[in-house]
C-alpha atoms as a PDB file:
ATOM      1  CA  MET A   1      13.490  38.820  24.434  1.00  0.00           C
ATOM      2  CA  ARG A   2      14.595  38.004  20.896  1.00  0.00           C
ATOM      3  CA  LEU A   3      16.771  35.285  22.038  1.00  0.00           C
ATOM      4  CA  ALA A   4      13.921  33.523  23.904  1.00  0.00           C
ATOM      5  CA  PHE A   5      11.530  34.188  20.900  1.00  0.00           C
ATOM      6  CA  ALA A   6      14.055  32.695  18.757  1.00  0.00           C
ATOM      7  CA  ALA A   7      14.769  29.559  20.893  1.00  0.00           C
ATOM      8  CA  VAL A   8      10.844  28.858  20.928  1.00  0.00           C
ATOM      9  CA  PHE A   9      10.534  29.299  17.149  1.00  0.00           C
ATOM     10  CA  PHE A  10      13.271  26.974  16.563  1.00  0.00           C
ATOM     11  CA  ALA A  11      12.067  24.247  18.930  1.00  0.00           C
ATOM     12  CA  ALA A  12       8.628  24.518  17.163  1.00  0.00           C
ATOM     13  CA  PHE A  13       9.969  24.288  13.844  1.00  0.00           C
ATOM     14  CA  THR A  14      12.305  21.517  14.664  1.00  0.00           C
ATOM     15  CA  VAL A  15       9.568  19.564  15.998  1.00  0.00           C
ATOM     16  CA  SER A  16       7.222  20.240  13.281  1.00  0.00           C
ATOM     17  CA  CYS A  17       9.630  19.171  10.650  1.00  0.00           C
ATOM     18  CA  ALA A  18      10.609  15.819  12.729  1.00  0.00           C
ATOM     19  CA  ALA A  19       7.218  14.404  13.109  1.00  0.00           C
ATOM     20  CA  PRO A  20       4.890  13.905  10.320  1.00  0.00           C
ATOM     21  CA  ALA A  21       1.358  15.485  10.616  1.00  0.00           C
ATOM     22  CA  ARG A  22      -1.491  12.959  11.482  1.00  0.00           C
ATOM     23  CA  PRO A  23      -4.764  13.800  10.030  1.00  0.00           C
ATOM     24  CA  ALA A  24      -7.215  14.560  12.751  1.00  0.00           C
ATOM     25  CA  GLY A  25      -8.442  11.281  14.342  1.00  0.00           C
ATOM     26  CA  ALA A  26      -6.017   9.052  13.000  1.00  0.00           C
ATOM     27  CA  GLN A  27      -3.975   7.087  15.888  1.00  0.00           C
ATOM     28  CA  HIS A  28      -0.379   6.394  16.495  1.00  0.00           C
ATOM     29  CA  ALA A  29      -0.533   2.615  16.602  1.00  0.00           C
ATOM     30  CA  PRO A  30       3.029   1.254  15.924  1.00  0.00           C
ATOM     31  CA  GLU A  31       2.016  -2.334  16.602  1.00  0.00           C
ATOM     32  CA  GLU A  32      -0.995  -2.137  14.397  1.00  0.00           C
ATOM     33  CA  GLU A  33       0.729  -0.528  11.563  1.00  0.00           C
ATOM     34  CA  ARG A  34       3.224  -3.421  11.600  1.00  0.00           C
ATOM     35  CA  ALA A  35       0.334  -5.832  11.597  1.00  0.00           C
ATOM     36  CA  ILE A  36      -1.373  -4.077   8.641  1.00  0.00           C
ATOM     37  CA  LEU A  37       1.990  -3.813   6.682  1.00  0.00           C
ATOM     38  CA  ALA A  38       2.362  -7.858   7.266  1.00  0.00           C
ATOM     39  CA  THR A  39      -0.702  -8.568   5.950  1.00  0.00           C
ATOM     40  CA  ILE A  40      -0.095  -6.372   2.761  1.00  0.00           C
ATOM     41  CA  ASP A  41       3.263  -8.120   2.355  1.00  0.00           C
ATOM     42  CA  ARG A  42       1.746 -11.847   2.743  1.00  0.00           C
ATOM     43  CA  PHE A  43      -0.889 -10.363   0.023  1.00  0.00           C
ATOM     44  CA  PHE A  44       1.981  -9.825  -2.336  1.00  0.00           C
ATOM     45  CA  GLU A  45       3.632 -12.866  -1.714  1.00  0.00           C
ATOM     46  CA  ALA A  46       0.611 -14.878  -2.208  1.00  0.00           C
ATOM     47  CA  MET A  47       0.292 -13.077  -5.521  1.00  0.00           C
ATOM     48  CA  HIS A  48       3.725 -13.837  -6.472  1.00  0.00           C
ATOM     49  CA  ARG A  49       3.248 -17.662  -5.741  1.00  0.00           C
ATOM     50  CA  ARG A  50      -0.195 -17.476  -7.499  1.00  0.00           C
ATOM     51  CA  ASP A  51      -1.535 -19.031  -4.301  1.00  0.00           C
ATOM     52  CA  VAL A  52      -5.151 -18.126  -4.492  1.00  0.00           C
ATOM     53  CA  ALA A  53      -6.056 -19.715  -0.816  1.00  0.00           C
ATOM     54  CA  ALA A  54      -3.411 -17.372   0.869  1.00  0.00           C
ATOM     55  CA  TYR A  55      -4.216 -14.290  -1.368  1.00  0.00           C
ATOM     56  CA  SER A  56      -7.862 -15.008  -0.368  1.00  0.00           C
ATOM     57  CA  ASP A  57      -6.979 -15.331   3.171  1.00  0.00           C
ATOM     58  CA  CYS A  58      -5.701 -11.674   3.059  1.00  0.00           C
ATOM     59  CA  VAL A  59      -8.866 -10.208   1.551  1.00  0.00           C
ATOM     60  CA  LEU A  60     -12.416  -9.774   2.055  1.00  0.00           C
ATOM     61  CA  ALA A  61     -14.306 -11.813  -0.933  1.00  0.00           C
ATOM     62  CA  ASP A  62     -17.018  -9.368  -1.217  1.00  0.00           C
ATOM     63  CA  GLY A  63     -14.428  -5.964  -1.217  1.00  0.00           C
ATOM     64  CA  MET A  64     -13.743  -4.674  -4.561  1.00  0.00           C
ATOM     65  CA  THR A  65     -10.670  -3.698  -6.496  1.00  0.00           C
ATOM     66  CA  PHE A  66     -10.763  -0.093  -8.880  1.00  0.00           C
ATOM     67  CA  THR A  67      -7.848   0.918 -11.212  1.00  0.00           C
ATOM     68  CA  GLN A  68      -7.193   3.851 -12.899  1.00  0.00           C
ATOM     69  CA  ALA A  69      -5.071   2.954 -15.882  1.00  0.00           C
ATOM     70  CA  LEU A  70      -3.374   5.388 -17.678  1.00  0.00           C
ATOM     71  CA  LYS A  71      -3.596   4.502 -21.580  1.00  0.00           C
ATOM     72  CA  ASP A  72      -2.796   6.672 -24.622  1.00  0.00           C
ATOM     73  CA  GLY A  73      -3.023   9.701 -22.273  1.00  0.00           C
ATOM     74  CA  ARG A  74      -6.280   8.937 -20.939  1.00  0.00           C
ATOM     75  CA  TRP A  75      -7.438   7.318 -17.500  1.00  0.00           C
ATOM     76  CA  GLU A  76      -9.321   4.311 -17.929  1.00  0.00           C
ATOM     77  CA  PHE A  77     -11.157   3.011 -15.122  1.00  0.00           C
ATOM     78  CA  LEU A  78     -11.687  -0.649 -14.175  1.00  0.00           C
ATOM     79  CA  ARG A  79     -13.446  -2.387 -11.110  1.00  0.00           C
ATOM     80  CA  ARG A  80     -13.818  -6.233  -9.933  1.00  0.00           C
ATOM     81  CA  SER A  81     -14.400  -7.815  -6.974  1.00  0.00           C
ATOM     82  CA  GLN A  82     -11.676  -8.964  -4.712  1.00  0.00           C
ATOM     83  CA  GLY A  83     -13.020 -12.711  -5.326  1.00  0.00           C
ATOM     84  CA  THR A  84     -12.823 -12.257  -8.932  1.00  0.00           C
ATOM     85  CA  LEU A  85      -9.274 -10.940  -8.929  1.00  0.00           C
ATOM     86  CA  ALA A  86      -8.253 -13.820  -6.580  1.00  0.00           C
ATOM     87  CA  THR A  87      -9.761 -16.453  -9.070  1.00  0.00           C
ATOM     88  CA  GLY A  88      -7.969 -14.751 -12.211  1.00  0.00           C
ATOM     89  CA  LEU A  89      -4.908 -14.936 -10.109  1.00  0.00           C
ATOM     90  CA  GLY A  90      -4.872 -18.866  -9.968  1.00  0.00           C
ATOM     91  CA  SER A  91      -5.315 -18.983 -13.752  1.00  0.00           C
ATOM     92  CA  GLY A  92      -3.174 -16.349 -15.046  1.00  0.00           C
ATOM     93  CA  LYS A  93       0.343 -16.723 -16.698  1.00  0.00           C
ATOM     94  CA  GLY A  94       3.677 -15.561 -15.917  1.00  0.00           C
ATOM     95  CA  VAL A  95       5.344 -14.487 -12.340  1.00  0.00           C
ATOM     96  CA  PRO A  96       3.827 -11.482 -11.086  1.00  0.00           C
ATOM     97  CA  ASN A  97       5.859  -9.603  -8.486  1.00  0.00           C
ATOM     98  CA  GLU A  98       4.567  -6.305  -6.877  1.00  0.00           C
ATOM     99  CA  THR A  99       6.618  -4.487  -4.643  1.00  0.00           C
ATOM    100  CA  TYR A 100       6.140  -1.237  -2.394  1.00  0.00           C
ATOM    101  CA  TRP A 101       7.893   1.283  -0.372  1.00  0.00           C
ATOM    102  CA  SER A 102       7.390   4.486   1.966  1.00  0.00           C
ATOM    103  CA  PRO A 103       3.817   3.485   3.052  1.00  0.00           C
ATOM    104  CA  THR A 104       1.660   6.050   4.877  1.00  0.00           C
ATOM    105  CA  VAL A 105      -0.691   4.069   7.525  1.00  0.00           C
ATOM    106  CA  LEU A 106      -3.668   5.957   8.813  1.00  0.00           C
ATOM    107  CA  ILE A 107      -5.371   3.809  11.604  1.00  0.00           C
ATOM    108  CA  ARG A 108      -8.345   4.541  13.787  1.00  0.00           C
ATOM    109  CA  GLY A 109      -9.695   1.601  15.865  1.00  0.00           C
ATOM    110  CA  PRO A 110     -10.411  -1.321  13.618  1.00  0.00           C
ATOM    111  CA  ILE A 111     -10.182   0.538  10.361  1.00  0.00           C
ATOM    112  CA  ALA A 112      -7.107   1.782   8.349  1.00  0.00           C
ATOM    113  CA  VAL A 113      -5.955   3.302   5.161  1.00  0.00           C
ATOM    114  CA  VAL A 114      -2.616   2.540   3.524  1.00  0.00           C
ATOM    115  CA  TRP A 115      -1.295   4.928   0.685  1.00  0.00           C
ATOM    116  CA  THR A 116       2.078   3.557  -1.174  1.00  0.00           C
ATOM    117  CA  PRO A 117       3.908   3.686  -4.478  1.00  0.00           C
ATOM    118  CA  TYR A 118       4.532   0.375  -6.063  1.00  0.00           C
ATOM    119  CA  ARG A 119       6.124  -1.392  -8.890  1.00  0.00           C
ATOM    120  CA  PHE A 120       4.957  -4.149 -10.722  1.00  0.00           C
ATOM    121  CA  THR A 121       6.715  -6.845 -12.911  1.00  0.00           C
ATOM    122  CA  LEU A 122       5.582  -9.900 -14.927  1.00  0.00           C
ATOM    123  CA  ASP A 123       8.226 -12.504 -15.617  1.00  0.00           C
ATOM    124  CA  GLY A 124      10.793  -9.984 -14.206  1.00  0.00           C
ATOM    125  CA  ARG A 125       9.783  -7.317 -16.570  1.00  0.00           C
ATOM    126  CA  GLU A 126       8.358  -3.991 -15.211  1.00  0.00           C
ATOM    127  CA  THR A 127       5.003  -3.299 -16.744  1.00  0.00           C
ATOM    128  CA  HIS A 128       3.837  -0.491 -14.686  1.00  0.00           C
ATOM    129  CA  ARG A 129       4.113   1.512 -11.683  1.00  0.00           C
ATOM    130  CA  GLY A 130       1.686   3.672  -9.671  1.00  0.00           C
ATOM    131  CA  VAL A 131       0.057   4.232  -6.244  1.00  0.00           C
ATOM    132  CA  ASP A 132      -1.856   1.568  -4.260  1.00  0.00           C
ATOM    133  CA  ILE A 133      -4.483   2.470  -1.653  1.00  0.00           C
ATOM    134  CA  PHE A 134      -5.762  -0.269   0.661  1.00  0.00           C
ATOM    135  CA  ASP A 135      -8.571   0.054   2.773  1.00  0.00           C
ATOM    136  CA  MET A 136      -8.090  -2.258   5.879  1.00  0.00           C
ATOM    137  CA  VAL A 137     -10.383  -3.596   8.533  1.00  0.00           C
ATOM    138  CA  LYS A 138      -9.746  -5.551  11.597  1.00  0.00           C
ATOM    139  CA  LEU A 139     -12.109  -8.591  11.979  1.00  0.00           C
ATOM    140  CA  ASP A 140     -11.687 -11.095  14.823  1.00  0.00           C
ATOM    141  CA  GLY A 141      -8.179  -9.822  15.453  1.00  0.00           C
ATOM    142  CA  GLU A 142      -6.699  -9.814  11.975  1.00  0.00           C
ATOM    143  CA  TRP A 143      -6.474  -7.196   9.361  1.00  0.00           C
ATOM    144  CA  LYS A 144      -7.819  -7.888   6.114  1.00  0.00           C
ATOM    145  CA  ILE A 145      -7.673  -5.769   2.826  1.00  0.00           C
ATOM    146  CA  ALA A 146     -11.384  -4.725   2.196  1.00  0.00           C
ATOM    147  CA  ASN A 147     -10.785  -2.692  -0.913  1.00  0.00           C
ATOM    148  CA  THR A 148      -8.076  -1.712  -3.129  1.00  0.00           C
ATOM    149  CA  ILE A 149      -7.584   1.065  -5.405  1.00  0.00           C
ATOM    150  CA  TRP A 150      -4.456   1.779  -7.668  1.00  0.00           C
ATOM    151  CA  THR A 151      -3.170   3.706 -10.459  1.00  0.00           C
ATOM    152  CA  ARG A 152      -1.533   2.019 -13.344  1.00  0.00           C
ATOM    153  CA  GLU A 153       0.978   4.236 -15.099  1.00  0.00           C
ATOM    154  CA  PRO A 154       4.535   4.621 -16.330  1.00  0.00           C
ATOM    155  CA  GLY A 155       5.311   6.401 -12.782  1.00  0.00           C
ATOM    156  CA  GLU A 156       8.779   7.428 -13.749  1.00  0.00           C
ATOM    157  CA  ASP A 157       8.468   9.738 -10.741  1.00  0.00           C
ATOM    158  CA  LEU A 158       7.834   6.677  -8.471  1.00  0.00           C
ATOM    159  CA  ALA A 159      10.995   5.095  -7.224  1.00  0.00           C
ATOM    160  CA  PRO A 160      12.386   3.913  -3.930  1.00  0.00           C
ATOM    161  CA  ALA A 161      14.991   6.057  -2.251  1.00  0.00           C
ATOM    162  CA  SER A 162      16.674   2.915  -1.390  1.00  0.00           C
ATOM    163  CA  ALA A 163      16.331  -0.826  -2.250  1.00  0.00           C
ATOM    164  CA  ASP A 164      16.443  -1.406   1.641  1.00  0.00           C
ATOM    165  CA  ASP A 165      12.938   0.558   1.500  1.00  0.00           C
ATOM    166  CA  VAL A 166      11.343  -1.928  -0.727  1.00  0.00           C
ATOM    167  CA  ARG A 167       8.732  -4.506   0.612  1.00  0.00           C
ATOM    168  CA  PRO A 168       8.024  -7.356   1.137  1.00  0.00           C
ATOM    169  CA  VAL A 169      11.616  -8.290   1.895  1.00  0.00           C
ATOM    170  CA  SER A 170      11.291 -11.415   0.297  1.00  0.00           C
ATOM    171  CA  LEU A 171      10.356 -10.075  -3.060  1.00  0.00           C
ATOM    172  CA  ARG A 172      13.193  -7.632  -3.552  1.00  0.00           C
END
């Protein structure tokens, strides 16, 4: 009896450790997850090129961006529309490069949320790291970024386990 109990306990423990828990209501949808991450990859590639049209194609212009920036030990809250951020991208200076890794994607039908650590450089010099959150919506068969929120901090604890984990591949 003890052996049977131990075998059942070990099997349950192994399964619970092997598969990440999905919140209630979130769907397992690998194809949709790939499409969502491809949209985020295109978003960062467009940012890198300062390509306003390609960037704008990834977002809803009336969506919002929210930033919590750590300055002098205090969090400062900033907000802008996605459209305003896209316009500023075209007139900005330098080469921005944002990469991310280990994204967590939660999907339910035509909505999704992505949580991921990131690193931001300008002209090859790191300015900050943080966590990005993307609210995604599927419209006319395409995933778009509705809203974004991110921290902007030193983020010494935020680093990819391997360079191979970093996305988009084109910006490694």
